[in-house]
Amino acid sequence: MLLVLRVVFAVIAIGFSVYVLISDSNEPEQFPYMLFFLGALMLVVEISELKANPDDPKLKAKRKTNAIMSFFTSAFLFFVSVYLFFNYVS
């Protein structure tokens, strides 16, 4: 289930990115949506890192560190997405 969500969010985010690059538009209407799906992707990565249960304690600590970094990244992306949505789209 998490793998499917990861792929779906990645495809949507890449689709928005490619659209912005191809359209050559300087209008930032697509940026909040692109950042929202990137934040959702990082949140799914964080959940999958926390659910992984390796036997090696060093690897478990590394996965926990990666999960914490993914959480902060997704929180930052959600914040920027909401900020841009209210400033540019509204």
Protein backbone atom coordinates (compact mmCIF):
# COMPACT_ATOMS: atom_id res chain seq x y z
CA MET A 1 0.00 0.00 0.00
CA LEU A 2 2.76 2.46 0.89
CA LEU A 3 4.65 1.58 -2.27
CA VAL A 4 1.57 2.35 -4.37
CA LEU A 5 1.09 5.70 -2.61
CA ARG A 6 4.76 6.52 -3.06
CA VAL A 7 4.57 5.84 -6.80
CA VAL A 8 1.30 7.76 -7.22
CA PHE A 9 2.56 10.85 -5.40
CA ALA A 10 5.87 10.73 -7.26
CA VAL A 11 4.15 10.49 -10.66
CA ILE A 12 1.83 13.40 -9.82
CA ALA A 13 4.69 15.59 -8.57
CA ILE A 14 6.83 14.76 -11.62
CA GLY A 15 3.84 15.46 -13.86
CA PHE A 16 3.38 18.92 -12.37
CA SER A 17 7.12 19.60 -12.66
CA VAL A 18 7.26 18.55 -16.30
CA TYR A 19 4.16 20.61 -17.08
CA VAL A 20 5.74 23.73 -15.57
CA LEU A 21 8.96 23.14 -17.50
CA ILE A 22 7.21 22.49 -20.82
CA SER A 23 4.62 25.27 -20.58
CA ASP A 24 7.25 28.01 -20.01
CA SER A 25 4.77 29.89 -17.87
CA ASN A 26 6.03 32.28 -15.25
CA GLU A 27 2.73 32.06 -13.42
CA PRO A 28 3.15 30.19 -10.13
CA GLU A 29 -0.31 28.59 -9.95
CA GLN A 30 1.04 25.05 -10.17
CA PHE A 31 3.77 25.39 -7.54
CA PRO A 32 1.58 24.93 -4.45
CA TYR A 33 0.09 21.73 -5.85
CA MET A 34 3.50 20.40 -6.86
CA LEU A 35 4.92 21.11 -3.41
CA PHE A 36 1.87 19.57 -1.74
CA PHE A 37 2.40 16.27 -3.57
CA LEU A 38 6.13 16.36 -2.85
CA GLY A 39 5.27 16.81 0.85
CA ALA A 40 2.84 13.90 0.65
CA LEU A 41 5.56 11.80 -0.98
CA MET A 42 8.01 12.62 1.81
CA LEU A 43 5.36 11.77 4.42
CA VAL A 44 4.83 8.34 2.83
CA VAL A 45 8.62 7.83 2.78
CA GLU A 46 8.73 8.71 6.49
CA ILE A 47 5.99 6.24 7.34
CA SER A 48 7.64 3.46 5.35
CA GLU A 49 10.98 4.15 7.07
CA LEU A 50 9.32 3.90 10.48
CA LYS A 51 7.49 0.69 9.58
CA ALA A 52 10.67 -1.04 8.40
CA ASN A 53 11.99 -3.31 11.13
CA PRO A 54 15.63 -4.26 10.50
CA ASP A 55 17.48 -6.60 12.82
CA ASP A 56 20.68 -4.55 12.94
CA PRO A 57 20.50 -1.80 15.64
CA LYS A 58 22.74 0.53 13.60
CA LEU A 59 20.48 0.21 10.59
CA LYS A 60 17.41 0.75 12.78
CA ALA A 61 18.91 3.97 14.16
CA LYS A 62 19.76 5.14 10.65
CA ARG A 63 16.21 4.45 9.45
CA LYS A 64 14.81 6.38 12.40
CA THR A 65 17.05 9.33 11.57
CA ASN A 66 15.93 9.19 7.94
CA ALA A 67 12.30 9.10 9.06
CA ILE A 68 12.75 12.17 11.25
CA MET A 69 14.42 14.09 8.41
CA SER A 70 11.63 13.07 6.02
CA PHE A 71 9.06 14.29 8.54
CA PHE A 72 10.68 17.72 8.84
CA THR A 73 11.03 17.95 5.07
CA SER A 74 7.37 17.09 4.52
CA ALA A 75 6.28 19.57 7.21
CA PHE A 76 8.33 22.31 5.53
CA LEU A 77 6.91 21.44 2.10
CA PHE A 78 3.35 21.49 3.44
CA PHE A 79 3.97 24.88 5.07
CA VAL A 80 5.41 26.37 1.88
CA SER A 81 2.58 24.84 -0.16
CA VAL A 82 -0.10 26.41 2.04
CA TYR A 83 1.75 29.74 2.06
CA LEU A 84 2.03 29.80 -1.72
CA PHE A 85 -1.56 28.65 -2.15
CA PHE A 86 -2.92 31.55 -0.12
CA ASN A 87 -0.58 34.13 -1.68
CA TYR A 88 -0.68 33.18 -5.36
CA VAL A 89 -3.82 31.19 -6.02
CA SER A 90 -6.35 33.11 -3.94
